[in-house]
C-alpha atoms as a PDB file:
ATOM      1  CA  MET A   1       1.471 -16.820  29.639  1.00  0.00           C
ATOM      2  CA  LYS A   2       4.631 -18.532  30.877  1.00  0.00           C
ATOM      3  CA  VAL A   3       7.101 -20.643  28.924  1.00  0.00           C
ATOM      4  CA  LYS A   4       9.823 -22.749  30.554  1.00  0.00           C
ATOM      5  CA  GLU A   5      12.986 -23.886  28.815  1.00  0.00           C
ATOM      6  CA  GLN A   6      15.977 -25.940  30.004  1.00  0.00           C
ATOM      7  CA  TYR A   7      19.393 -24.394  29.393  1.00  0.00           C
ATOM      8  CA  HIS A   8      22.708 -25.899  30.579  1.00  0.00           C
ATOM      9  CA  GLY A   9      21.488 -26.843  34.068  1.00  0.00           C
ATOM     10  CA  TRP A  10      19.221 -23.804  34.383  1.00  0.00           C
ATOM     11  CA  VAL A  11      15.470 -23.481  34.034  1.00  0.00           C
ATOM     12  CA  ILE A  12      14.481 -20.275  32.239  1.00  0.00           C
ATOM     13  CA  GLU A  13      10.900 -19.102  32.614  1.00  0.00           C
ATOM     14  CA  LEU A  14       9.733 -16.424  30.168  1.00  0.00           C
ATOM     15  CA  VAL A  15       6.722 -14.414  31.309  1.00  0.00           C
ATOM     16  CA  SER A  16       4.510 -12.459  28.907  1.00  0.00           C
ATOM     17  CA  HIS A  17       3.271  -9.031  30.026  1.00  0.00           C
ATOM     18  CA  PRO A  18       1.108  -6.541  28.111  1.00  0.00           C
ATOM     19  CA  ASN A  19       4.198  -4.409  27.353  1.00  0.00           C
ATOM     20  CA  GLY A  20       6.817  -7.119  26.776  1.00  0.00           C
ATOM     21  CA  TYR A  21       8.538 -10.102  28.354  1.00  0.00           C
ATOM     22  CA  SER A  22      10.469 -10.732  31.563  1.00  0.00           C
ATOM     23  CA  PHE A  23      12.295 -13.801  32.835  1.00  0.00           C
ATOM     24  CA  HIS A  24      13.216 -15.824  35.901  1.00  0.00           C
ATOM     25  CA  CYS A  25      16.124 -18.286  35.941  1.00  0.00           C
ATOM     26  CA  TRP A  26      17.016 -20.883  38.527  1.00  0.00           C
ATOM     27  CA  THR A  27      19.327 -23.850  38.686  1.00  0.00           C
ATOM     28  CA  ALA A  28      17.799 -27.279  38.295  1.00  0.00           C
ATOM     29  CA  GLN A  29      18.575 -27.905  41.981  1.00  0.00           C
ATOM     30  CA  GLU A  30      16.795 -24.612  42.821  1.00  0.00           C
ATOM     31  CA  ARG A  31      19.778 -23.396  44.853  1.00  0.00           C
ATOM     32  CA  ILE A  32      20.349 -20.173  42.911  1.00  0.00           C
ATOM     33  CA  GLY A  33      17.787 -17.939  41.205  1.00  0.00           C
ATOM     34  CA  ILE A  34      17.872 -14.786  39.082  1.00  0.00           C
ATOM     35  CA  THR A  35      14.868 -12.549  38.529  1.00  0.00           C
ATOM     36  CA  ASP A  36      14.937  -9.719  36.030  1.00  0.00           C
ATOM     37  CA  ARG A  37      12.049  -7.287  36.400  1.00  0.00           C
ATOM     38  CA  GLN A  38      12.991  -5.335  33.270  1.00  0.00           C
ATOM     39  CA  LEU A  39      10.615  -5.795  30.322  1.00  0.00           C
ATOM     40  CA  TYR A  40      12.084  -6.758  26.953  1.00  0.00           C
ATOM     41  CA  SER A  41      10.320  -5.969  23.695  1.00  0.00           C
ATOM     42  CA  SER A  42      10.575  -9.460  22.201  1.00  0.00           C
ATOM     43  CA  LEU A  43      10.609 -13.080  23.282  1.00  0.00           C
ATOM     44  CA  ASP A  44      13.979 -13.597  21.588  1.00  0.00           C
ATOM     45  CA  GLN A  45      15.521 -10.624  23.387  1.00  0.00           C
ATOM     46  CA  ALA A  46      14.289 -11.822  26.810  1.00  0.00           C
ATOM     47  CA  LEU A  47      15.514 -15.368  26.121  1.00  0.00           C
ATOM     48  CA  THR A  48      18.906 -14.145  24.884  1.00  0.00           C
ATOM     49  CA  ILE A  49      19.414 -11.954  27.973  1.00  0.00           C
ATOM     50  CA  ALA A  50      18.252 -14.778  30.275  1.00  0.00           C
ATOM     51  CA  LYS A  51      20.743 -17.198  28.709  1.00  0.00           C
ATOM     52  CA  LYS A  52      23.543 -14.639  28.959  1.00  0.00           C
ATOM     53  CA  ARG A  53      22.706 -13.997  32.635  1.00  0.00           C
ATOM     54  CA  ALA A  54      22.700 -17.759  33.318  1.00  0.00           C
ATOM     55  CA  ASP A  55      26.028 -18.136  31.481  1.00  0.00           C
ATOM     56  CA  LEU A  56      27.581 -15.241  33.402  1.00  0.00           C
ATOM     57  CA  GLU A  57      26.419 -16.652  36.744  1.00  0.00           C
ATOM     58  CA  THR A  58      27.781 -20.096  35.822  1.00  0.00           C
ATOM     59  CA  MET A  59      31.079 -18.508  34.763  1.00  0.00           C
ATOM     60  CA  ARG A  60      31.238 -16.538  37.994  1.00  0.00           C
ATOM     61  CA  TRP A  61      30.858 -19.742  40.049  1.00  0.00           C
ATOM     62  CA  ALA A  62      33.499 -21.556  37.999  1.00  0.00           C
ATOM     63  CA  LEU A  63      35.992 -18.685  38.184  1.00  0.00           C
ATOM     64  CA  THR A  64      35.467 -18.266  41.918  1.00  0.00           C
ATOM     65  CA  ARG A  65      36.177 -21.978  42.489  1.00  0.00           C
ATOM     66  CA  PHE A  66      39.170 -21.851  40.121  1.00  0.00           C
ATOM     67  CA  LEU A  67      40.716 -18.829  41.841  1.00  0.00           C
ATOM     68  CA  ASP A  68      40.163 -20.328  45.294  1.00  0.00           C
ATOM     69  CA  ASP A  69      41.807 -23.598  44.185  1.00  0.00           C
ATOM     70  CA  ALA A  70      44.666 -21.788  42.442  1.00  0.00           C
ATOM     71  CA  CYS A  71      45.435 -19.786  45.548  1.00  0.00           C
ATOM     72  CA  LEU A  72      45.407 -22.879  47.799  1.00  0.00           C
ATOM     73  CA  HIS A  73      47.002 -25.554  45.591  1.00  0.00           C
ATOM     74  CA  TYR A  74      49.569 -23.510  43.709  1.00  0.00           C
ATOM     75  CA  LYS A  75      50.492 -21.283  46.645  1.00  0.00           C
ATOM     76  CA  LEU A  76      50.270 -18.096  44.615  1.00  0.00           C
ATOM     77  CA  ASN A  77      51.514 -14.904  46.196  1.00  0.00           C
ATOM     78  CA  LEU A  78      49.353 -11.770  46.170  1.00  0.00           C
ATOM     79  CA  ASP A  79      50.903 -10.303  42.982  1.00  0.00           C
ATOM     80  CA  GLU A  80      50.432 -13.598  41.104  1.00  0.00           C
ATOM     81  CA  MET A  81      46.834 -13.857  42.295  1.00  0.00           C
ATOM     82  CA  ILE A  82      46.068 -10.278  41.176  1.00  0.00           C
ATOM     83  CA  ALA A  83      47.694 -10.910  37.770  1.00  0.00           C
ATOM     84  CA  LEU A  84      45.666 -14.127  37.336  1.00  0.00           C
ATOM     85  CA  GLU A  85      42.413 -12.375  38.269  1.00  0.00           C
ATOM     86  CA  ALA A  86      43.173  -9.488  35.887  1.00  0.00           C
ATOM     87  CA  SER A  87      43.943 -11.911  33.052  1.00  0.00           C
ATOM     88  CA  ILE A  88      40.699 -13.834  33.583  1.00  0.00           C
ATOM     89  CA  LEU A  89      38.628 -10.650  33.821  1.00  0.00           C
ATOM     90  CA  GLU A  90      40.223  -9.338  30.618  1.00  0.00           C
ATOM     91  CA  PHE A  91      39.399 -12.617  28.849  1.00  0.00           C
ATOM     92  CA  VAL A  92      35.768 -12.521  30.034  1.00  0.00           C
ATOM     93  CA  ALA A  93      35.387  -8.887  28.948  1.00  0.00           C
ATOM     94  CA  ALA A  94      36.796  -9.693  25.498  1.00  0.00           C
ATOM     95  CA  ALA A  95      34.503 -12.712  25.146  1.00  0.00           C
ATOM     96  CA  PHE A  96      31.408 -10.579  25.699  1.00  0.00           C
ATOM     97  CA  ARG A  97      32.322  -7.618  23.462  1.00  0.00           C
ATOM     98  CA  GLU A  98      29.601  -8.317  20.936  1.00  0.00           C
ATOM     99  CA  ASP A  99      28.000  -4.887  20.936  1.00  0.00           C
ATOM    100  CA  SER A 100      30.114  -3.564  18.064  1.00  0.00           C
ATOM    101  CA  ALA A 101      28.828  -6.291  15.716  1.00  0.00           C
ATOM    102  CA  MET A 102      25.199  -5.832  16.713  1.00  0.00           C
ATOM    103  CA  PRO A 103      22.835  -3.342  15.052  1.00  0.00           C
ATOM    104  CA  SER A 104      21.754  -0.295  17.015  1.00  0.00           C
ATOM    105  CA  SER A 105      18.859  -0.691  19.434  1.00  0.00           C
ATOM    106  CA  THR A 106      16.719   1.504  17.154  1.00  0.00           C
ATOM    107  CA  GLU A 107      17.309  -0.838  14.198  1.00  0.00           C
ATOM    108  CA  VAL A 108      16.567  -3.888  16.346  1.00  0.00           C
ATOM    109  CA  HIS A 109      13.375  -2.319  17.716  1.00  0.00           C
ATOM    110  CA  MET A 110      12.155  -1.440  14.206  1.00  0.00           C
ATOM    111  CA  LEU A 111      12.846  -4.981  12.986  1.00  0.00           C
ATOM    112  CA  GLN A 112      11.139  -6.550  15.989  1.00  0.00           C
ATOM    113  CA  ALA A 113       8.064  -4.426  15.384  1.00  0.00           C
ATOM    114  CA  THR A 114       7.775  -5.987  11.918  1.00  0.00           C
ATOM    115  CA  CYS A 115       8.418  -9.590  13.025  1.00  0.00           C
ATOM    116  CA  GLU A 116       5.262 -11.628  12.762  1.00  0.00           C
ATOM    117  CA  LEU A 117       6.408 -15.116  13.652  1.00  0.00           C
ATOM    118  CA  PHE A 118       7.585 -16.927  16.786  1.00  0.00           C
ATOM    119  CA  CYS A 119       9.859 -19.746  15.642  1.00  0.00           C
ATOM    120  CA  ALA A 120      11.411 -22.798  17.271  1.00  0.00           C
ATOM    121  CA  TYR A 121      14.435 -24.736  16.052  1.00  0.00           C
ATOM    122  CA  LYS A 122      15.919 -27.767  17.832  1.00  0.00           C
ATOM    123  CA  ASN A 123      19.423 -29.083  17.245  1.00  0.00           C
ATOM    124  CA  THR A 124      18.761 -32.828  17.109  1.00  0.00           C
ATOM    125  CA  THR A 125      22.385 -33.679  16.311  1.00  0.00           C
ATOM    126  CA  SER A 126      25.252 -34.440  18.671  1.00  0.00           C
ATOM    127  CA  LYS A 127      27.284 -31.509  17.297  1.00  0.00           C
ATOM    128  CA  LEU A 128      27.390 -27.809  18.056  1.00  0.00           C
ATOM    129  CA  GLN A 129      25.552 -25.736  15.447  1.00  0.00           C
ATOM    130  CA  VAL A 130      25.565 -22.066  14.479  1.00  0.00           C
ATOM    131  CA  VAL A 131      22.329 -20.719  12.995  1.00  0.00           C
ATOM    132  CA  ARG A 132      22.109 -17.486  11.008  1.00  0.00           C
ATOM    133  CA  ILE A 133      19.581 -15.435   9.117  1.00  0.00           C
ATOM    134  CA  THR A 134      21.348 -13.560   6.318  1.00  0.00           C
ATOM    135  CA  ASN A 135      18.733 -13.043   3.608  1.00  0.00           C
ATOM    136  CA  ILE A 136      17.053 -10.072   5.367  1.00  0.00           C
ATOM    137  CA  SER A 137      18.863  -6.796   4.649  1.00  0.00           C
ATOM    138  CA  GLY A 138      20.131  -4.959   7.741  1.00  0.00           C
ATOM    139  CA  TRP A 139      19.273  -7.784  10.131  1.00  0.00           C
ATOM    140  CA  TYR A 140      21.906  -9.426  12.309  1.00  0.00           C
ATOM    141  CA  PHE A 141      20.896 -12.818  13.710  1.00  0.00           C
ATOM    142  CA  GLU A 142      23.391 -15.479  14.729  1.00  0.00           C
ATOM    143  CA  LYS A 143      23.122 -17.955  17.594  1.00  0.00           C
ATOM    144  CA  VAL A 144      25.035 -20.992  18.813  1.00  0.00           C
ATOM    145  CA  VAL A 145      22.757 -23.980  19.410  1.00  0.00           C
ATOM    146  CA  PHE A 146      24.138 -26.797  21.557  1.00  0.00           C
ATOM    147  CA  PRO A 147      23.211 -30.451  20.905  1.00  0.00           C
ATOM    148  CA  GLN A 148      19.587 -31.201  21.892  1.00  0.00           C
ATOM    149  CA  GLU A 149      18.980 -27.517  22.723  1.00  0.00           C
ATOM    150  CA  GLN A 150      15.883 -25.715  21.428  1.00  0.00           C
ATOM    151  CA  LEU A 151      16.114 -22.129  20.220  1.00  0.00           C
ATOM    152  CA  LEU A 152      13.096 -19.785  20.337  1.00  0.00           C
ATOM    153  CA  PHE A 153      13.239 -16.609  18.260  1.00  0.00           C
ATOM    154  CA  GLU A 154      11.170 -14.085  16.307  1.00  0.00           C
ATOM    155  CA  ALA A 155      11.543 -13.706  12.561  1.00  0.00           C
ATOM    156  CA  LEU A 156       9.889 -12.569   9.380  1.00  0.00           C
ATOM    157  CA  PRO A 157       8.093 -15.385   7.516  1.00  0.00           C
ATOM    158  CA  GLU A 158      10.342 -14.950   4.459  1.00  0.00           C
ATOM    159  CA  ALA A 159      13.562 -15.206   6.519  1.00  0.00           C
ATOM    160  CA  GLU A 160      15.716 -18.285   5.936  1.00  0.00           C
ATOM    161  CA  LEU A 161      17.486 -19.951   8.848  1.00  0.00           C
ATOM    162  CA  GLU A 162      20.908 -21.232   7.761  1.00  0.00           C
ATOM    163  CA  ILE A 163      22.252 -24.093   9.880  1.00  0.00           C
ATOM    164  CA  TYR A 164      26.024 -24.592  10.070  1.00  0.00           C
ATOM    165  CA  THR A 165      27.818 -27.498  11.744  1.00  0.00           C
ATOM    166  CA  GLY A 166      31.326 -26.830  12.990  1.00  0.00           C
ATOM    167  CA  THR A 167      34.391 -28.907  12.211  1.00  0.00           C
ATOM    168  CA  ALA A 168      38.080 -28.489  12.962  1.00  0.00           C
ATOM    169  CA  TRP A 169      38.438 -26.778   9.548  1.00  0.00           C
ATOM    170  CA  GLY A 170      35.500 -24.376   9.782  1.00  0.00           C
ATOM    171  CA  ALA A 171      31.728 -24.378   9.554  1.00  0.00           C
ATOM    172  CA  THR A 172      29.764 -26.193   6.863  1.00  0.00           C
ATOM    173  CA  LEU A 173      26.314 -25.083   5.714  1.00  0.00           C
ATOM    174  CA  VAL A 174      24.107 -28.114   6.364  1.00  0.00           C
ATOM    175  CA  GLU A 175      20.596 -26.851   5.704  1.00  0.00           C
ATOM    176  CA  LYS A 176      18.421 -23.801   4.979  1.00  0.00           C
ATOM    177  CA  ILE A 177      14.900 -23.680   6.408  1.00  0.00           C
ATOM    178  CA  ARG A 178      12.295 -20.984   5.738  1.00  0.00           C
ATOM    179  CA  CYS A 179      11.199 -19.501   9.073  1.00  0.00           C
ATOM    180  CA  SER A 180       7.548 -19.900   8.078  1.00  0.00           C
ATOM    181  CA  GLN A 181       8.171 -23.668   8.489  1.00  0.00           C
ATOM    182  CA  LEU A 182       9.500 -23.207  12.042  1.00  0.00           C
ATOM    183  CA  LYS A 183       6.408 -21.546  13.525  1.00  0.00           C
ATOM    184  CA  ALA A 184       6.115 -22.242  17.261  1.00  0.00           C
ATOM    185  CA  CYS A 185       2.686 -22.665  18.856  1.00  0.00           C
ATOM    186  CA  ILE A 186       3.528 -21.793  22.454  1.00  0.00           C
ATOM    187  CA  PHE A 187       1.290 -18.785  23.055  1.00  0.00           C
ATOM    188  CA  GLU A 188      -2.145 -20.250  22.400  1.00  0.00           C
END
């Protein structure tokens, strides 16, 4: 079984194996590709890692172009260039320090073993949304969903997906949907 999903100029292909899921990513122009041969225990985990890898590769391209332009156009000396690179790398590292807020891998594995449902949610609005599941004790689930983007994830049937829309003053809870209503039929 293979599932393809569009994500910010990338095509992500999730591949089902007897022991888990792997992924392949490539740009829509098929110039750059990423293949991860590691198996992930859940569809959501493979998709999350694939999106993060695509984001990191996109960020790497953008930062490389930015640093090249900064060096040429602003005539930075070596010390200024090193300071700029260090500042950007520090920012990127801080942006991806999510591990402390995440449950341990043992907790995640135990939860995924009990998940019975593959779910799909699509942000049909023109605004950025944050979705969370908070009614399941000990379970951390929070994702950003861009406009017109579809999110695939695993959940317990009794879990409730809370949808928040962001504003300049904070996030507003817009809707709660029971995950049993979001069942995805992609594996038949």
